[in-house]
Amino acid sequence: MPDSGLVRSHEFDQSRRRLGAWLHAHMEGVRSLGDREVELYRDSKGVVAGWEVQSADSGRRFWVLIDGAFPFSKVQIACVSEGDRYLQWPHVEEDGFLCLPAPGWLPCEKLGVSAQDSLQRAEQLISNCQSEDFVRTESQKEFVSYWARHSGTAVRSLIDVAGNRAARVVCALKTGGGIVVGESSEQLDAWCEKNEEFQGGVAVQAVFAFVEDAPFLPFPQNSREFFDRFIEASPEINRCLAKLSPFQNTLIILASSVQGGVGLWGCCLRAASSDGFRPSFSAKIDKSVWRRGCPYQPVSIWRVDGSWVHGRDRDVHYSQLSQRHLVVLGAGSLGSQVASRLAQAGVGRISIVDPQVLAACNVGRHELGMGSLGKNKAEELARVLSEKYPHGDYSGVPATWQAVLRDSSELFEGADLVVCCMGETAQDLAWSAHHQSGRLQIPSLYGWLGTQGATGHALLIAPSGPGLSCFIDPGGYVKRPDTEFSGGDQLQAEPGCGTEFQPYGPLAAGEVEVLVSRLAIDFLSGKVGASAHRIRTCSTEELSELGGEWTRAHRLQRPEGYEGPLQYELAVTSCGECYKCKDGK
């Protein structure tokens, strides 16, 4: 009796008996499958039982298969009357297993309807596959899933597919971690340096080109068929190959665009033997050597370029964000998450500045974990981001911003935006003073959480705009507060010197991180100008639990009767009362 560990045995057995009874009542030639037949699909599909049935209309034989999650998983179907059609027909896998869309009803909901739906879809697929046009168009839609399915060789590609469709010679490295291909040796070296298993390696000659007509089943089986179908009709590819030698291993990377996007595919042509060729023979321009003498192996291509990683070519802002340089001051609970989110969004270069090391008490609301204890926050965060997104440029500076300004001022001069999340009022106001001095002609974005994390602010200020002192006082209090607490600022402290902190959790930090990150992206992508002030507040219920109340100023922003979380914007204007407004710059 099968025990899947997913569904209790008696539930599985009861549902299996019901399905068997339904098949006997509605299908012809029904028999239970033996252990050897079920074994064909056990490891790959988790199948534990099945039946053979025959269609009354077509006479085709199908195997009805169920896995250990049944009846909470769909009925699977294999076709066993059409011969081996794997990689001949679309949606047909090994041993006739059919990849079918999910039925409208699960067996646990309507067993008979669900089983009948799966069988009808199987019958329709096999009927459609009798048409060469269907096989061609359907397999082209998902060609990446079929190409080089069992090659065992995966190539990671950094090639700029979205921005450059020209056929060209590219660079490739064969490393201990696999083959990596990109636009230049410098690009490959930078990427591999951040991935230990890909460091070192030998160069492999490679060519890249777009092929408008995506490959379709059945695929070429040798280099001659590959060249006849895809290379002969492309003068651009042939011109690139003329620069290479067939007596060296050659990687051919091709791209095709279908409804689902741009997919990569290709092959490795192993070096042809030079035996029998005269030293003066110009094999580079003799295509017959490529076609006849180079052993052919299709390879799967994994896109790891930024456009694919950050939005699968569909993020319209990626081309802008990837060219931007961001400086983050402070890699604490807020700054670390903002830096991580902006790297995830595709910002091409992020410089992180923080002199402090990570402590255990930071980890609960920090991007870094216990493995980084005692290490500099900025350097560790840059290392983690580089491992996650090796196509990006992330650096950590274990110093104060004042030291960076003194010793490496070009870091700020080459930036597009400074995000200030230091969480220390004196440091924030000091940076604001420098920012407003006129020596840095880029905006600053300040992010902070209010008392107990009940509120959060994202404040974008132009260099010619008001100073941070127009919005907070020297004690760190917001001049126009949304909340008030009877117990004061609610600061807590550890049993040590200089350890005061606001007792908010990771959810509050995460919500403000999104607020700050969104404003940064909106500015970098041109959606907003150089000044904006966004405020996010918790719900009335949450605030009450924290022991606070809304101020009169906040209630003017809150819609009548609404008590949930709220986000709103205020104009960025001078207060007219702080030292900057009264005494000028």
Protein backbone atom coordinates (compact mmCIF):
# COMPACT_ATOMS: atom_id res chain seq x y z
CA MET A 1 0.00 0.00 0.00
CA PRO A 2 1.64 3.27 -1.05
CA ASP A 3 2.34 5.85 1.63
CA SER A 4 3.37 9.06 -0.06
CA GLY A 5 3.89 11.07 3.08
CA LEU A 6 1.60 13.67 1.47
CA VAL A 7 -1.85 12.13 1.79
CA ARG A 8 -2.90 9.66 4.49
CA SER A 9 -3.02 6.10 3.15
CA HIS A 10 -6.75 5.56 3.65
CA GLU A 11 -7.55 8.80 1.79
CA PHE A 12 -5.29 7.79 -1.09
CA ASP A 13 -6.74 4.27 -1.28
CA GLN A 14 -10.31 5.48 -1.20
CA SER A 15 -9.70 7.99 -3.99
CA ARG A 16 -7.76 5.46 -6.05
CA ARG A 17 -10.65 2.98 -5.85
CA ARG A 18 -13.11 5.68 -6.89
CA LEU A 19 -10.98 6.62 -9.91
CA GLY A 20 -10.60 2.96 -10.90
CA ALA A 21 -14.36 2.48 -10.70
CA TRP A 22 -14.95 5.59 -12.82
CA LEU A 23 -12.50 4.40 -15.49
CA HIS A 24 -14.14 0.96 -15.68
CA ALA A 25 -17.54 2.60 -16.06
CA HIS A 26 -16.57 5.12 -18.75
CA MET A 27 -13.55 3.77 -20.67
CA GLU A 28 -12.71 0.61 -22.62
CA GLY A 29 -9.92 -1.92 -22.15
CA VAL A 30 -9.19 -0.86 -18.57
CA ARG A 31 -6.45 -2.70 -16.67
CA SER A 32 -4.24 -1.83 -13.71
CA LEU A 33 -0.60 -1.12 -14.48
CA GLY A 34 2.07 -3.43 -13.13
CA ASP A 35 5.00 -2.38 -10.96
CA ARG A 36 7.44 -2.25 -13.88
CA GLU A 37 5.13 0.03 -15.84
CA VAL A 38 4.61 2.37 -12.89
CA GLU A 39 8.36 2.36 -12.23
CA LEU A 40 8.95 4.21 -15.52
CA TYR A 41 7.54 7.37 -13.95
CA ARG A 42 8.16 6.88 -10.24
CA ASP A 43 11.43 8.79 -9.86
CA SER A 44 10.77 11.61 -12.32
CA LYS A 45 7.06 12.18 -11.72
CA GLY A 46 6.34 10.57 -8.36
CA VAL A 47 3.79 8.19 -9.91
CA VAL A 48 2.64 5.40 -7.57
CA ALA A 49 -0.28 3.79 -9.44
CA GLY A 50 -2.04 3.78 -12.79
CA TRP A 51 -4.35 2.15 -15.34
CA GLU A 52 -4.29 1.54 -19.07
CA VAL A 53 -7.41 2.62 -20.96
CA GLN A 54 -8.43 2.75 -24.59
CA SER A 55 -10.24 5.61 -26.30
CA ALA A 56 -13.55 4.51 -27.81
CA ASP A 57 -13.26 7.18 -30.53
CA SER A 58 -9.67 6.84 -31.75
CA GLY A 59 -8.62 3.48 -30.37
CA ARG A 60 -5.52 5.10 -28.84
CA ARG A 61 -4.20 3.62 -25.61
CA PHE A 62 -3.42 5.90 -22.67
CA TRP A 63 -2.02 5.30 -19.23
CA VAL A 64 -3.85 7.16 -16.47
CA LEU A 65 -1.32 7.92 -13.71
CA ILE A 66 -1.60 9.23 -10.16
CA ASP A 67 1.07 10.36 -7.71
CA GLY A 68 1.27 10.29 -3.92
CA ALA A 69 -0.52 13.64 -3.57
CA PHE A 70 -3.69 12.29 -5.22
CA PRO A 71 -6.56 13.35 -5.03
CA PHE A 72 -5.08 16.81 -4.38
CA SER A 73 -3.01 16.61 -7.57
CA LYS A 74 -4.21 16.25 -11.14
CA VAL A 75 -4.52 12.99 -13.04
CA GLN A 76 -1.50 12.53 -15.31
CA ILE A 77 -1.65 10.91 -18.75
CA ALA A 78 0.87 9.03 -20.90
CA CYS A 79 0.23 7.97 -24.50
CA VAL A 80 1.58 4.48 -25.28
CA SER A 81 0.10 3.80 -28.73
CA GLU A 82 2.05 6.29 -30.87
CA GLY A 83 5.59 4.98 -30.50
CA ASP A 84 8.47 7.04 -29.15
CA ARG A 85 7.59 10.66 -29.86
CA TYR A 86 9.88 12.24 -27.29
CA LEU A 87 11.56 15.30 -28.86
CA GLN A 88 9.48 14.65 -31.95
CA TRP A 89 6.19 16.14 -30.75
CA PRO A 90 5.64 19.07 -28.36
CA HIS A 91 4.52 18.38 -24.78
CA VAL A 92 5.49 14.70 -25.09
CA GLU A 93 8.14 13.68 -22.58
CA GLU A 94 10.03 10.44 -22.00
CA ASP A 95 8.00 7.22 -22.19
CA GLY A 96 5.02 9.05 -23.68
CA PHE A 97 4.31 11.17 -20.59
CA LEU A 98 2.20 14.15 -21.65
CA CYS A 99 2.67 17.65 -20.27
CA LEU A 100 -0.92 18.88 -20.12
CA PRO A 101 -2.51 22.05 -18.72
CA ALA A 102 -4.10 21.76 -15.30
CA PRO A 103 -7.79 20.75 -15.47
CA GLY A 104 -10.50 23.07 -14.29
CA TRP A 105 -11.39 20.76 -11.38
CA LEU A 106 -9.04 18.80 -9.16
CA PRO A 107 -9.93 15.16 -8.41
CA CYS A 108 -10.62 16.08 -4.78
CA GLU A 109 -13.34 18.43 -6.06
CA LYS A 110 -14.92 16.52 -8.97
CA LEU A 111 -13.06 13.29 -9.60
CA GLY A 112 -14.86 12.13 -12.75
CA VAL A 113 -14.90 15.56 -14.38
CA SER A 114 -11.20 16.04 -13.63
CA ALA A 115 -10.19 12.65 -15.05
CA GLN A 116 -12.32 13.11 -18.16
CA ASP A 117 -10.87 16.57 -18.74
CA SER A 118 -7.30 15.22 -18.61
CA LEU A 119 -8.13 12.39 -21.01
CA GLN A 120 -9.83 14.74 -23.45
CA ARG A 121 -6.85 17.10 -23.40
CA ALA A 122 -4.52 14.15 -24.05
CA GLU A 123 -6.63 12.98 -26.99
CA GLN A 124 -6.69 16.50 -28.42
CA LEU A 125 -2.92 16.93 -28.10
CA ILE A 126 -2.13 13.67 -29.88
CA SER A 127 -4.62 14.53 -32.65
CA ASN A 128 -3.05 17.97 -33.09
CA CYS A 129 0.42 16.45 -33.30
CA GLN A 130 -0.56 14.68 -36.51
CA SER A 131 -0.16 18.12 -38.14
CA GLU A 132 3.39 19.25 -39.03
CA ASP A 133 2.30 22.88 -38.76
CA PHE A 134 1.09 22.33 -35.20
CA VAL A 135 4.30 20.56 -34.23
CA ARG A 136 6.36 23.40 -35.66
CA THR A 137 4.48 26.36 -34.20
CA GLU A 138 3.83 24.72 -30.82
CA SER A 139 7.41 23.59 -30.29
CA GLN A 140 8.75 27.00 -31.31
CA LYS A 141 6.71 28.64 -28.52
CA GLU A 142 8.69 26.71 -25.88
CA PHE A 143 11.86 25.81 -27.77
CA VAL A 144 14.13 26.53 -24.79
CA SER A 145 12.47 23.68 -22.86
CA TYR A 146 13.20 21.18 -25.63
CA TRP A 147 16.61 22.26 -26.90
CA ALA A 148 19.62 20.32 -25.51
CA ARG A 149 17.35 18.69 -22.93
CA HIS A 150 19.91 16.05 -22.02
CA SER A 151 23.16 17.63 -23.12
CA GLY A 152 24.67 17.85 -19.64
CA THR A 153 26.40 21.08 -20.68
CA ALA A 154 24.96 24.38 -19.48
CA VAL A 155 26.43 27.68 -20.65
CA ARG A 156 25.85 30.83 -18.61
CA SER A 157 25.45 33.86 -20.85
CA LEU A 158 26.14 37.51 -20.05
CA ILE A 159 25.60 38.55 -23.66
CA ASP A 160 23.63 41.76 -24.14
CA VAL A 161 20.65 40.24 -25.90
CA ALA A 162 18.23 43.10 -25.27
CA GLY A 163 20.46 45.93 -26.45
CA ASN A 164 22.50 44.51 -29.33
CA ARG A 165 21.19 42.10 -31.97
CA ALA A 166 24.23 42.26 -34.24
CA ALA A 167 26.08 39.03 -35.05
CA ARG A 168 29.52 39.16 -33.47
CA VAL A 169 32.45 37.23 -32.07
CA VAL A 170 32.14 37.04 -28.28
CA CYS A 171 34.29 35.70 -25.44
CA ALA A 172 33.88 32.47 -23.49
CA LEU A 173 35.68 30.76 -20.62
CA LYS A 174 35.58 27.08 -19.71
CA THR A 175 35.92 26.92 -15.93
CA GLY A 176 35.49 24.40 -13.16
CA GLY A 177 31.94 25.67 -12.68
CA GLY A 178 31.03 25.47 -16.36
CA ILE A 179 31.23 27.64 -19.45
CA VAL A 180 30.56 31.37 -19.21
CA VAL A 181 30.12 33.55 -22.30
CA GLY A 182 30.02 37.34 -22.50
CA GLU A 183 30.81 40.44 -24.50
CA SER A 184 34.44 40.83 -23.43
CA SER A 185 37.17 39.14 -21.42
CA GLU A 186 36.97 42.00 -18.90
CA GLN A 187 33.28 41.33 -18.33
CA LEU A 188 33.91 37.62 -17.84
CA ASP A 189 36.81 38.21 -15.45
CA ALA A 190 34.71 40.58 -13.32
CA TRP A 191 31.80 38.10 -13.19
CA CYS A 192 33.94 35.07 -12.46
CA GLU A 193 35.89 36.90 -9.76
CA LYS A 194 32.69 37.04 -7.69
CA ASN A 195 31.97 33.31 -8.17
CA GLU A 196 34.64 31.10 -6.63
CA GLU A 197 33.74 28.00 -8.64
CA PHE A 198 34.12 29.94 -11.91
CA GLN A 199 37.54 31.42 -11.21
CA GLY A 200 40.34 30.41 -13.56
CA GLY A 201 39.63 28.58 -16.78
CA VAL A 202 40.65 28.59 -20.43
CA ALA A 203 39.36 30.70 -23.30
CA VAL A 204 36.99 29.20 -25.86
CA GLN A 205 36.25 30.88 -29.18
CA ALA A 206 32.60 31.81 -29.56
CA VAL A 207 30.15 33.58 -31.83
CA PHE A 208 26.71 35.06 -31.15
CA ALA A 209 23.88 35.88 -33.56
CA PHE A 210 20.12 36.36 -33.74
CA VAL A 211 18.11 33.82 -35.74
CA GLU A 212 14.62 35.09 -36.46
CA ASP A 213 13.09 31.64 -37.03
CA ALA A 214 13.24 29.82 -33.70
CA PRO A 215 14.16 26.12 -33.78
CA PHE A 216 11.36 23.58 -33.87
CA LEU A 217 11.00 19.83 -33.42
CA PRO A 218 12.65 17.63 -34.51
CA PHE A 219 16.07 19.21 -33.95
CA PRO A 220 19.32 18.69 -35.89
CA GLN A 221 21.28 15.57 -34.99
CA ASN A 222 24.70 16.54 -36.34
CA SER A 223 26.73 19.55 -37.45
CA ARG A 224 25.71 19.17 -41.09
CA GLU A 225 22.01 19.37 -40.27
CA PHE A 226 22.67 22.26 -37.86
CA PHE A 227 24.52 24.27 -40.52
CA ASP A 228 21.96 23.48 -43.22
CA ARG A 229 19.03 24.67 -41.07
CA PHE A 230 20.48 27.66 -39.25
CA ILE A 231 23.87 28.80 -40.51
CA GLU A 232 23.90 28.59 -44.31
CA ALA A 233 21.19 31.22 -44.74
CA SER A 234 22.92 33.75 -42.46
CA PRO A 235 25.76 35.74 -44.07
CA GLU A 236 26.34 37.51 -40.75
CA ILE A 237 27.06 34.27 -38.88
CA ASN A 238 29.30 33.02 -41.67
CA ARG A 239 31.32 36.23 -41.58
CA CYS A 240 31.87 35.72 -37.86
CA LEU A 241 32.85 32.08 -38.30
CA ALA A 242 35.35 33.11 -40.99
CA LYS A 243 37.32 34.82 -38.20
CA LEU A 244 37.56 31.60 -36.20
CA SER A 245 39.25 28.24 -36.66
CA PRO A 246 37.42 24.89 -36.90
CA PHE A 247 40.53 23.29 -35.41
CA GLN A 248 39.58 24.75 -32.02
CA ASN A 249 36.52 24.10 -29.88
CA THR A 250 33.84 26.60 -30.91
CA LEU A 251 30.73 27.77 -29.10
CA ILE A 252 27.82 29.03 -31.23
CA ILE A 253 25.24 30.99 -29.23
CA LEU A 254 22.01 31.85 -31.04
CA ALA A 255 19.02 33.92 -29.94
CA SER A 256 15.45 33.76 -31.17
CA SER A 257 12.46 35.85 -30.25
CA VAL A 258 9.05 34.25 -29.71
CA GLN A 259 5.89 35.34 -27.96
CA GLY A 260 7.34 34.44 -24.57
CA GLY A 261 10.45 36.56 -25.04
CA VAL A 262 14.01 36.02 -26.24
CA GLY A 263 15.50 32.58 -25.69
CA LEU A 264 19.07 31.43 -26.17
CA TRP A 265 20.17 28.14 -27.67
CA GLY A 266 23.21 26.82 -29.43
CA CYS A 267 25.87 24.17 -29.71
CA CYS A 268 29.48 23.34 -29.10
CA LEU A 269 31.46 22.24 -32.15
CA ARG A 270 34.46 20.27 -31.03
CA ALA A 271 37.75 20.91 -32.77
CA ALA A 272 38.14 19.19 -36.12
CA SER A 273 41.18 17.02 -36.62
CA SER A 274 43.89 18.77 -38.63
CA ASP A 275 45.33 15.49 -39.88
CA GLY A 276 45.52 15.43 -43.68
CA PHE A 277 45.34 19.23 -44.14
CA ARG A 278 48.24 21.13 -45.65
CA PRO A 279 49.74 23.81 -43.37
CA SER A 280 48.71 26.45 -45.91
CA PHE A 281 45.07 25.29 -46.02
CA SER A 282 42.69 28.14 -45.14
CA ALA A 283 40.14 26.22 -43.13
CA LYS A 284 38.65 29.43 -41.74
CA ILE A 285 36.88 30.12 -45.00
CA ASP A 286 36.10 26.50 -45.91
CA LYS A 287 32.70 25.85 -44.36
CA SER A 288 32.87 22.19 -45.28
CA VAL A 289 35.31 21.62 -42.40
CA TRP A 290 32.78 23.03 -39.92
CA ARG A 291 29.97 20.97 -41.43
CA ARG A 292 31.76 17.64 -41.72
CA GLY A 293 34.70 17.61 -39.37
CA CYS A 294 33.45 19.16 -36.11
CA PRO A 295 31.60 16.85 -33.71
CA TYR A 296 28.32 18.50 -32.71
CA GLN A 297 26.82 18.82 -29.25
CA PRO A 298 23.75 20.98 -28.52
CA VAL A 299 24.05 22.96 -25.29
CA SER A 300 21.51 24.66 -23.06
CA ILE A 301 22.07 28.36 -22.47
CA TRP A 302 21.19 29.99 -19.15
CA ARG A 303 20.74 33.71 -19.43
CA VAL A 304 22.43 35.45 -16.49
CA ASP A 305 22.63 38.93 -18.04
CA GLY A 306 21.15 41.81 -16.07
CA SER A 307 18.18 42.44 -18.34
CA TRP A 308 17.00 38.87 -17.84
CA VAL A 309 17.78 38.62 -14.13
CA HIS A 310 16.03 41.91 -13.33
CA GLY A 311 12.67 41.49 -15.03
CA ARG A 312 13.08 38.91 -17.84
CA ASP A 313 13.59 41.70 -20.41
CA ARG A 314 10.28 43.30 -19.39
CA ASP A 315 11.39 45.95 -16.90
CA VAL A 316 11.20 49.11 -18.99
CA HIS A 317 13.37 50.96 -16.47
CA TYR A 318 16.23 48.47 -16.31
CA SER A 319 18.26 50.11 -19.09
CA GLN A 320 18.25 53.32 -17.03
CA LEU A 321 18.76 51.77 -13.61
CA SER A 322 21.65 49.60 -14.79
CA GLN A 323 23.62 52.73 -15.67
CA ARG A 324 23.02 54.49 -12.36
CA HIS A 325 25.44 54.85 -9.45
CA LEU A 326 24.00 55.01 -5.95
CA VAL A 327 25.81 55.77 -2.69
CA VAL A 328 24.18 54.44 0.48
CA LEU A 329 25.27 56.00 3.77
CA GLY A 330 24.54 53.60 6.61
CA ALA A 331 24.12 49.83 6.31
CA GLY A 332 21.92 49.26 9.34
CA SER A 333 18.41 47.83 9.57
CA LEU A 334 17.05 50.24 6.96
CA GLY A 335 20.09 50.98 4.82
CA SER A 336 21.03 47.33 4.33
CA GLN A 337 17.54 46.47 3.11
CA VAL A 338 17.37 49.52 0.82
CA ALA A 339 20.72 48.65 -0.75
CA SER A 340 19.64 45.05 -1.23
CA ARG A 341 16.30 46.01 -2.77
CA LEU A 342 17.88 48.49 -5.18
CA ALA A 343 20.44 45.89 -6.25
CA GLN A 344 17.56 43.48 -6.78
CA ALA A 345 15.81 46.13 -8.88
CA GLY A 346 18.84 46.38 -11.16
CA VAL A 347 20.73 49.50 -10.06
CA GLY A 348 24.07 48.87 -11.75
CA ARG A 349 26.48 50.31 -9.20
CA ILE A 350 25.99 50.69 -5.44
CA SER A 351 28.63 51.99 -3.04
CA ILE A 352 27.88 51.34 0.64
CA VAL A 353 29.52 53.40 3.38
CA ASP A 354 29.44 52.35 7.06
CA PRO A 355 32.25 52.15 9.66
CA GLN A 356 30.45 49.75 12.02
CA VAL A 357 30.58 45.97 12.41
CA LEU A 358 27.53 43.71 12.64
CA ALA A 359 26.38 42.72 16.14
CA ALA A 360 24.01 39.90 17.05
CA CYS A 361 21.32 42.35 18.12
CA ASN A 362 21.31 43.80 14.57
CA VAL A 363 20.54 40.52 12.81
CA GLY A 364 16.82 40.34 13.59
CA ARG A 365 16.06 43.29 11.33
CA HIS A 366 19.16 43.35 9.08
CA GLU A 367 19.87 42.02 5.60
CA LEU A 368 22.95 40.17 6.88
CA GLY A 369 22.94 37.11 9.12
CA MET A 370 24.94 35.45 11.88
CA GLY A 371 27.67 34.47 9.45
CA SER A 372 28.66 38.14 9.24
CA LEU A 373 29.00 38.82 12.97
CA GLY A 374 31.98 41.00 13.83
CA LYS A 375 32.52 41.96 10.20
CA ASN A 376 32.09 45.38 8.67
CA LYS A 377 28.49 45.90 7.55
CA ALA A 378 29.35 47.73 4.33
CA GLU A 379 31.97 45.25 3.13
CA GLU A 380 29.87 42.22 4.02
CA LEU A 381 26.77 43.58 2.35
CA ALA A 382 28.73 44.37 -0.81
CA ARG A 383 30.13 40.84 -0.78
CA VAL A 384 26.67 39.27 -0.41
CA LEU A 385 25.20 41.42 -3.18
CA SER A 386 28.13 40.60 -5.47
CA GLU A 387 27.53 36.89 -4.96
CA LYS A 388 23.81 37.26 -5.66
CA TYR A 389 24.17 39.60 -8.64
CA PRO A 390 27.71 39.15 -10.04
CA HIS A 391 26.89 41.26 -13.11
CA GLY A 392 26.51 44.32 -10.85
CA ASP A 393 29.15 46.55 -9.28
CA TYR A 394 28.90 46.69 -5.48
CA SER A 395 31.53 47.99 -3.09
CA GLY A 396 31.69 48.49 0.66
CA VAL A 397 33.68 51.21 2.36
CA PRO A 398 34.44 50.56 6.08
CA ALA A 399 34.70 54.23 7.02
CA THR A 400 32.68 57.29 7.94
CA TRP A 401 31.31 59.39 5.11
CA GLN A 402 33.54 62.22 6.29
CA ALA A 403 36.62 60.05 5.77
CA VAL A 404 35.40 59.07 2.30
CA LEU A 405 34.77 62.71 1.47
CA ARG A 406 38.29 63.56 2.57
CA ASP A 407 40.13 60.64 0.95
CA SER A 408 37.91 59.53 -1.96
CA SER A 409 35.59 62.40 -2.82
CA GLU A 410 35.22 61.09 -6.40
CA LEU A 411 32.91 58.40 -4.99
CA PHE A 412 30.26 61.07 -4.41
CA GLU A 413 31.08 63.14 -7.47
CA GLY A 414 30.36 60.22 -9.79
CA ALA A 415 27.07 59.26 -8.14
CA ASP A 416 23.52 59.92 -9.30
CA LEU A 417 21.94 59.84 -5.85
CA VAL A 418 22.99 59.57 -2.19
CA VAL A 419 20.66 57.59 0.08
CA CYS A 420 21.16 58.54 3.72
CA CYS A 421 19.96 55.89 6.20
CA MET A 422 22.45 56.38 9.02
CA GLY A 423 19.78 56.59 11.71
CA GLU A 424 21.82 59.09 13.76
CA THR A 425 20.45 62.64 13.81
CA ALA A 426 23.83 64.33 14.23
CA GLN A 427 25.26 62.44 11.25
CA ASP A 428 22.19 63.08 9.11
CA LEU A 429 22.27 66.82 9.82
CA ALA A 430 26.02 66.94 9.18
CA TRP A 431 25.55 65.29 5.80
CA SER A 432 22.72 67.71 5.04
CA ALA A 433 25.04 70.64 5.79
CA HIS A 434 27.56 69.31 3.29
CA HIS A 435 24.85 68.56 0.77
CA GLN A 436 23.46 72.08 0.99
CA SER A 437 26.90 73.67 0.67
CA GLY A 438 26.65 73.54 -3.12
CA ARG A 439 29.68 71.28 -3.58
CA LEU A 440 27.57 68.24 -4.52
CA GLN A 441 25.13 68.72 -7.37
CA ILE A 442 22.97 65.61 -6.87
CA PRO A 443 19.92 65.00 -4.65
CA SER A 444 20.03 63.28 -1.27
CA LEU A 445 17.35 60.84 -0.18
CA TYR A 446 16.87 60.54 3.59
CA GLY A 447 15.08 57.55 5.07
CA TRP A 448 14.13 56.97 8.71
CA LEU A 449 11.59 55.35 11.00
CA GLY A 450 9.60 57.23 13.60
CA THR A 451 8.80 56.28 17.18
CA GLN A 452 8.49 52.48 17.54
CA GLY A 453 8.36 52.19 13.76
CA ALA A 454 4.80 53.54 13.64
CA THR A 455 5.79 55.95 10.87
CA GLY A 456 8.41 56.10 8.16
CA HIS A 457 9.76 58.88 5.96
CA ALA A 458 11.40 59.03 2.54
CA LEU A 459 12.58 62.59 1.93
CA LEU A 460 14.23 63.53 -1.37
CA ILE A 461 15.95 66.92 -1.34
CA ALA A 462 17.66 68.73 -4.20
CA PRO A 463 21.03 70.42 -3.48
CA SER A 464 19.34 73.78 -3.97
CA GLY A 465 16.36 72.86 -1.76
CA PRO A 466 15.73 73.17 1.96
CA GLY A 467 17.98 71.44 4.47
CA LEU A 468 17.11 68.43 6.61
CA SER A 469 16.86 70.87 9.54
CA CYS A 470 13.58 72.09 8.04
CA PHE A 471 12.06 68.68 8.83
CA ILE A 472 13.76 67.42 12.02
CA ASP A 473 15.22 69.25 15.01
CA PRO A 474 18.68 68.62 16.54
CA GLY A 475 17.15 66.07 18.88
CA GLY A 476 15.86 63.98 16.00
CA TYR A 477 12.20 64.86 16.46
CA VAL A 478 10.08 65.42 13.35
CA LYS A 479 8.79 68.96 13.29
CA ARG A 480 5.45 67.88 11.89
CA PRO A 481 4.83 64.59 13.73
CA ASP A 482 2.08 62.11 12.87
CA THR A 483 2.09 60.42 16.27
CA GLU A 484 2.41 61.33 19.92
CA PHE A 485 3.23 59.07 22.84
CA SER A 486 2.54 59.90 26.48
CA GLY A 487 5.85 58.33 27.49
CA GLY A 488 8.04 60.49 25.27
CA ASP A 489 10.36 59.19 22.56
CA GLN A 490 10.10 55.53 23.69
CA LEU A 491 13.85 54.96 23.28
CA GLN A 492 15.24 51.79 24.84
CA ALA A 493 18.84 50.97 25.71
CA GLU A 494 21.12 47.99 26.15
CA PRO A 495 23.31 47.73 29.28
CA GLY A 496 26.15 49.62 27.61
CA CYS A 497 27.30 53.07 26.49
CA GLY A 498 25.63 54.65 23.45
CA THR A 499 23.21 51.77 22.85
CA GLU A 500 19.86 53.57 22.60
CA PHE A 501 17.47 52.24 19.98
CA GLN A 502 13.87 52.39 18.80
CA PRO A 503 12.06 49.10 19.57
CA TYR A 504 10.60 48.36 16.13
CA GLY A 505 10.63 45.01 14.35
CA PRO A 506 11.50 43.74 10.87
CA LEU A 507 8.01 44.36 9.46
CA ALA A 508 8.18 48.08 10.22
CA ALA A 509 11.69 48.29 8.78
CA GLY A 510 10.56 46.39 5.68
CA GLU A 511 7.62 48.71 5.05
CA VAL A 512 9.81 51.81 5.24
CA GLU A 513 12.45 50.11 3.10
CA VAL A 514 9.87 49.80 0.32
CA LEU A 515 8.94 53.46 0.79
CA VAL A 516 12.56 54.61 0.44
CA SER A 517 13.46 52.16 -2.34
CA ARG A 518 10.42 53.11 -4.39
CA LEU A 519 11.26 56.80 -4.19
CA ALA A 520 14.87 56.08 -5.17
CA ILE A 521 13.76 54.07 -8.21
CA ASP A 522 11.21 56.69 -9.19
CA PHE A 523 13.93 59.34 -9.17
CA LEU A 524 16.56 57.24 -10.96
CA SER A 525 14.07 56.28 -13.67
CA GLY A 526 12.87 59.86 -14.16
CA LYS A 527 9.39 59.48 -12.69
CA VAL A 528 9.86 62.22 -10.09
CA GLY A 529 12.05 65.29 -9.86
CA ALA A 530 14.72 66.02 -7.28
CA SER A 531 12.29 66.79 -4.42
CA ALA A 532 9.61 64.62 -2.81
CA HIS A 533 8.43 63.70 0.68
CA ARG A 534 6.53 60.47 1.26
CA ILE A 535 5.24 59.36 4.66
CA ARG A 536 3.99 55.93 5.59
CA THR A 537 2.04 55.29 8.82
CA CYS A 538 0.72 52.16 10.50
CA SER A 539 -2.96 51.49 11.19
CA THR A 540 -4.86 53.10 14.03
CA GLU A 541 -5.13 49.72 15.75
CA GLU A 542 -1.36 49.17 15.58
CA LEU A 543 -0.67 52.64 16.91
CA SER A 544 -3.05 52.09 19.81
CA GLU A 545 -1.30 48.81 20.66
CA LEU A 546 2.00 50.71 20.74
CA GLY A 547 0.52 53.25 23.14
CA GLY A 548 0.32 56.18 20.72
CA GLU A 549 -2.24 58.51 19.20
CA TRP A 550 -2.55 60.43 15.95
CA THR A 551 -1.72 64.11 16.00
CA ARG A 552 -4.11 66.71 14.71
CA ALA A 553 -1.83 67.28 11.68
CA HIS A 554 -2.01 63.60 10.78
CA ARG A 555 -5.79 63.43 11.10
CA LEU A 556 -6.03 66.11 8.42
CA GLN A 557 -4.34 63.65 6.03
CA ARG A 558 -6.36 60.57 6.99
CA PRO A 559 -9.62 59.99 5.08
CA GLU A 560 -12.67 60.10 7.30
CA GLY A 561 -13.53 56.68 8.68
CA TYR A 562 -10.34 55.02 7.38
CA GLU A 563 -8.21 53.40 10.09
CA GLY A 564 -5.77 51.27 8.08
CA PRO A 565 -2.12 51.88 7.05
CA LEU A 566 -1.70 55.14 5.15
CA GLN A 567 0.80 56.64 2.74
CA TYR A 568 0.70 60.26 1.67
CA GLU A 569 2.96 62.99 0.33
CA LEU A 570 3.86 66.49 1.48
CA ALA A 571 5.47 69.33 -0.40
CA VAL A 572 9.19 69.85 0.17
CA THR A 573 9.37 73.43 1.42
CA SER A 574 11.53 75.45 3.76
CA CYS A 575 10.26 75.78 7.31
CA GLY A 576 11.37 79.41 7.75
CA GLU A 577 12.31 78.75 11.37
CA CYS A 578 15.46 76.61 11.53
CA TYR A 579 19.01 78.03 11.66
CA LYS A 580 19.44 77.41 7.93
CA CYS A 581 16.33 79.38 7.03
CA LYS A 582 17.15 82.24 9.41
CA ASP A 583 20.88 82.57 8.81
CA GLY A 584 21.17 81.20 5.27
CA LYS A 585 23.97 79.00 4.05
